[in-house]
């Protein structure tokens, strides 16, 4: 019997959550409801391009993406422009330390002919 007495004693001493009653007749104000519906949680940028760009607001209210490396501005409106121009810029930005190295140029090699060191064949 000692175990059940301890459990009952713990339940009696447990804090009671606060309950707030609301009148069913009381409806929220239309202005308050409209204001709450306008508030939206800002969406986090999904593109990896935003790691290399910052969003700046111009004097005319327009937003642009500013390159962190060379400070060039690019349009970045989500509905009309997107991040394609920023992605293309990162490939050619001369100050970008993360620019992928594209090695399209081949290397020529001279293979000398046996016996004559001044004559040889060139190959890639």
C-alpha atoms as a PDB file:
ATOM      1  CA  UNK A   1       0.000   0.000   0.000  1.00  0.00           C
ATOM      2  CA  UNK A   2       2.929   2.331   0.529  1.00  0.00           C
ATOM      3  CA  UNK A   3       3.585   2.663  -3.233  1.00  0.00           C
ATOM      4  CA  UNK A   4       0.079   3.807  -4.134  1.00  0.00           C
ATOM      5  CA  UNK A   5       0.065   6.358  -1.320  1.00  0.00           C
ATOM      6  CA  UNK A   6       3.277   7.912  -2.744  1.00  0.00           C
ATOM      7  CA  UNK A   7       1.788   8.099  -6.252  1.00  0.00           C
ATOM      8  CA  UNK A   8      -1.422   9.722  -4.960  1.00  0.00           C
ATOM      9  CA  UNK A   9       0.608  12.163  -2.862  1.00  0.00           C
ATOM     10  CA  UNK A  10       2.705  13.124  -5.937  1.00  0.00           C
ATOM     11  CA  UNK A  11      -0.433  13.707  -7.991  1.00  0.00           C
ATOM     12  CA  UNK A  12      -1.954  15.914  -5.319  1.00  0.00           C
ATOM     13  CA  UNK A  13       1.178  18.073  -5.103  1.00  0.00           C
ATOM     14  CA  UNK A  14       1.524  18.364  -8.913  1.00  0.00           C
ATOM     15  CA  UNK A  15       1.082  21.921 -10.264  1.00  0.00           C
ATOM     16  CA  UNK A  16      -2.251  22.580 -11.922  1.00  0.00           C
ATOM     17  CA  UNK A  17      -1.999  24.167 -15.389  1.00  0.00           C
ATOM     18  CA  UNK A  18      -3.596  27.578 -15.727  1.00  0.00           C
ATOM     19  CA  UNK A  19      -6.876  27.556 -17.625  1.00  0.00           C
ATOM     20  CA  UNK A  20      -8.214  30.664 -19.314  1.00  0.00           C
ATOM     21  CA  UNK A  21     -11.848  30.675 -20.305  1.00  0.00           C
ATOM     22  CA  UNK A  22     -12.925  32.487 -23.446  1.00  0.00           C
ATOM     23  CA  UNK A  23     -16.440  33.734 -24.118  1.00  0.00           C
ATOM     24  CA  UNK A  24     -17.971  31.929 -27.069  1.00  0.00           C
ATOM     25  CA  UNK A  25     -19.892  35.058 -27.996  1.00  0.00           C
ATOM     26  CA  UNK A  26     -16.722  37.170 -28.175  1.00  0.00           C
ATOM     27  CA  UNK A  27     -15.395  37.154 -31.764  1.00  0.00           C
ATOM     28  CA  UNK A  28     -11.989  38.559 -32.742  1.00  0.00           C
ATOM     29  CA  UNK A  29     -12.004  41.996 -34.272  1.00  0.00           C
ATOM     30  CA  UNK A  30     -11.954  41.947 -38.119  1.00  0.00           C
ATOM     31  CA  UNK A  31      -9.020  44.372 -38.186  1.00  0.00           C
ATOM     32  CA  UNK A  32      -7.057  42.134 -35.818  1.00  0.00           C
ATOM     33  CA  UNK A  33      -7.814  39.053 -37.894  1.00  0.00           C
ATOM     34  CA  UNK A  34      -6.739  40.813 -41.099  1.00  0.00           C
ATOM     35  CA  UNK A  35      -3.531  42.086 -39.475  1.00  0.00           C
ATOM     36  CA  UNK A  36      -2.626  38.622 -38.211  1.00  0.00           C
ATOM     37  CA  UNK A  37      -3.184  37.090 -41.645  1.00  0.00           C
ATOM     38  CA  UNK A  38      -0.811  39.625 -43.252  1.00  0.00           C
ATOM     39  CA  UNK A  39       2.048  38.687 -40.929  1.00  0.00           C
ATOM     40  CA  UNK A  40       4.028  35.906 -42.521  1.00  0.00           C
ATOM     41  CA  UNK A  41       7.123  34.199 -41.372  1.00  0.00           C
ATOM     42  CA  UNK A  42      10.017  35.202 -43.645  1.00  0.00           C
ATOM     43  CA  UNK A  43      11.186  32.375 -45.868  1.00  0.00           C
ATOM     44  CA  UNK A  44      14.831  31.394 -45.564  1.00  0.00           C
ATOM     45  CA  UNK A  45      16.805  31.605 -48.825  1.00  0.00           C
ATOM     46  CA  UNK A  46      16.960  28.175 -50.424  1.00  0.00           C
ATOM     47  CA  UNK A  47      19.632  28.825 -53.031  1.00  0.00           C
ATOM     48  CA  UNK A  48      23.312  28.244 -52.339  1.00  0.00           C
ATOM     49  CA  UNK A  49      24.014  31.477 -54.225  1.00  0.00           C
ATOM     50  CA  UNK A  50      23.130  33.493 -51.121  1.00  0.00           C
ATOM     51  CA  UNK A  51      26.321  32.254 -49.467  1.00  0.00           C
ATOM     52  CA  UNK A  52      28.255  34.503 -51.881  1.00  0.00           C
ATOM     53  CA  UNK A  53      25.738  37.365 -52.133  1.00  0.00           C
ATOM     54  CA  UNK A  54      24.010  39.752 -49.745  1.00  0.00           C
ATOM     55  CA  UNK A  55      20.554  41.198 -50.288  1.00  0.00           C
ATOM     56  CA  UNK A  56      20.528  45.020 -50.410  1.00  0.00           C
ATOM     57  CA  UNK A  57      17.632  47.422 -50.771  1.00  0.00           C
ATOM     58  CA  UNK A  58      18.083  50.331 -53.180  1.00  0.00           C
ATOM     59  CA  UNK A  59      16.657  53.832 -52.662  1.00  0.00           C
ATOM     60  CA  UNK A  60      13.743  53.082 -54.999  1.00  0.00           C
ATOM     61  CA  UNK A  61      12.699  50.102 -52.834  1.00  0.00           C
ATOM     62  CA  UNK A  62      14.017  47.443 -55.201  1.00  0.00           C
ATOM     63  CA  UNK A  63      16.125  44.556 -53.875  1.00  0.00           C
ATOM     64  CA  UNK A  64      19.409  43.495 -55.474  1.00  0.00           C
ATOM     65  CA  UNK A  65      21.982  40.809 -54.780  1.00  0.00           C
ATOM     66  CA  UNK A  66      25.459  42.204 -54.095  1.00  0.00           C
ATOM     67  CA  UNK A  67      28.495  39.999 -54.753  1.00  0.00           C
ATOM     68  CA  UNK A  68      30.591  39.640 -51.590  1.00  0.00           C
ATOM     69  CA  UNK A  69      33.789  39.444 -53.645  1.00  0.00           C
ATOM     70  CA  UNK A  70      33.538  42.225 -56.255  1.00  0.00           C
ATOM     71  CA  UNK A  71      30.483  44.258 -55.049  1.00  0.00           C
ATOM     72  CA  UNK A  72      28.564  44.053 -58.345  1.00  0.00           C
ATOM     73  CA  UNK A  73      24.773  44.279 -58.103  1.00  0.00           C
ATOM     74  CA  UNK A  74      22.392  41.781 -59.711  1.00  0.00           C
ATOM     75  CA  UNK A  75      18.616  41.649 -59.877  1.00  0.00           C
ATOM     76  CA  UNK A  76      17.282  38.985 -57.570  1.00  0.00           C
ATOM     77  CA  UNK A  77      13.497  39.367 -57.463  1.00  0.00           C
ATOM     78  CA  UNK A  78      12.112  35.907 -56.766  1.00  0.00           C
ATOM     79  CA  UNK A  79       9.178  36.239 -59.153  1.00  0.00           C
ATOM     80  CA  UNK A  80      10.934  37.680 -62.210  1.00  0.00           C
ATOM     81  CA  UNK A  81      14.708  37.200 -62.056  1.00  0.00           C
ATOM     82  CA  UNK A  82      15.693  34.403 -59.719  1.00  0.00           C
ATOM     83  CA  UNK A  83      19.310  33.543 -59.001  1.00  0.00           C
ATOM     84  CA  UNK A  84      20.481  32.487 -62.488  1.00  0.00           C
ATOM     85  CA  UNK A  85      22.391  35.708 -63.129  1.00  0.00           C
ATOM     86  CA  UNK A  86      24.177  35.398 -59.796  1.00  0.00           C
ATOM     87  CA  UNK A  87      25.133  31.804 -60.525  1.00  0.00           C
ATOM     88  CA  UNK A  88      26.544  32.782 -63.925  1.00  0.00           C
ATOM     89  CA  UNK A  89      28.492  35.646 -62.328  1.00  0.00           C
ATOM     90  CA  UNK A  90      30.178  33.384 -59.776  1.00  0.00           C
ATOM     91  CA  UNK A  91      31.633  31.312 -62.612  1.00  0.00           C
ATOM     92  CA  UNK A  92      33.396  34.339 -64.116  1.00  0.00           C
ATOM     93  CA  UNK A  93      34.010  36.563 -61.073  1.00  0.00           C
ATOM     94  CA  UNK A  94      37.762  37.200 -60.978  1.00  0.00           C
ATOM     95  CA  UNK A  95      37.814  37.798 -57.205  1.00  0.00           C
ATOM     96  CA  UNK A  96      35.841  34.644 -56.302  1.00  0.00           C
ATOM     97  CA  UNK A  97      38.178  32.351 -54.313  1.00  0.00           C
ATOM     98  CA  UNK A  98      35.822  29.376 -54.823  1.00  0.00           C
ATOM     99  CA  UNK A  99      35.725  29.691 -58.616  1.00  0.00           C
ATOM    100  CA  UNK A 100      35.936  26.279 -60.255  1.00  0.00           C
ATOM    101  CA  UNK A 101      39.054  25.843 -62.366  1.00  0.00           C
ATOM    102  CA  UNK A 102      38.162  24.766 -65.879  1.00  0.00           C
ATOM    103  CA  UNK A 103      41.149  23.212 -67.600  1.00  0.00           C
ATOM    104  CA  UNK A 104      40.199  22.896 -71.265  1.00  0.00           C
ATOM    105  CA  UNK A 105      43.713  23.496 -72.542  1.00  0.00           C
ATOM    106  CA  UNK A 106      45.694  20.383 -73.318  1.00  0.00           C
ATOM    107  CA  UNK A 107      49.392  19.871 -72.639  1.00  0.00           C
ATOM    108  CA  UNK A 108      51.843  19.229 -75.482  1.00  0.00           C
ATOM    109  CA  UNK A 109      54.542  16.680 -74.931  1.00  0.00           C
ATOM    110  CA  UNK A 110      57.690  16.227 -77.021  1.00  0.00           C
ATOM    111  CA  UNK A 111      58.837  12.652 -77.318  1.00  0.00           C
ATOM    112  CA  UNK A 112      62.344  12.493 -78.774  1.00  0.00           C
ATOM    113  CA  UNK A 113      63.152   9.931 -81.473  1.00  0.00           C
ATOM    114  CA  UNK A 114      65.688   7.316 -80.441  1.00  0.00           C
ATOM    115  CA  UNK A 115      69.207   8.144 -81.590  1.00  0.00           C
ATOM    116  CA  UNK A 116      68.593  11.794 -82.573  1.00  0.00           C
ATOM    117  CA  UNK A 117      67.909  14.167 -79.667  1.00  0.00           C
ATOM    118  CA  UNK A 118      67.017  17.191 -81.877  1.00  0.00           C
ATOM    119  CA  UNK A 119      64.112  15.459 -83.672  1.00  0.00           C
ATOM    120  CA  UNK A 120      60.978  14.166 -81.992  1.00  0.00           C
ATOM    121  CA  UNK A 121      57.200  13.852 -82.201  1.00  0.00           C
ATOM    122  CA  UNK A 122      54.695  16.151 -80.544  1.00  0.00           C
ATOM    123  CA  UNK A 123      51.587  14.680 -78.944  1.00  0.00           C
ATOM    124  CA  UNK A 124      48.874  15.774 -76.542  1.00  0.00           C
END
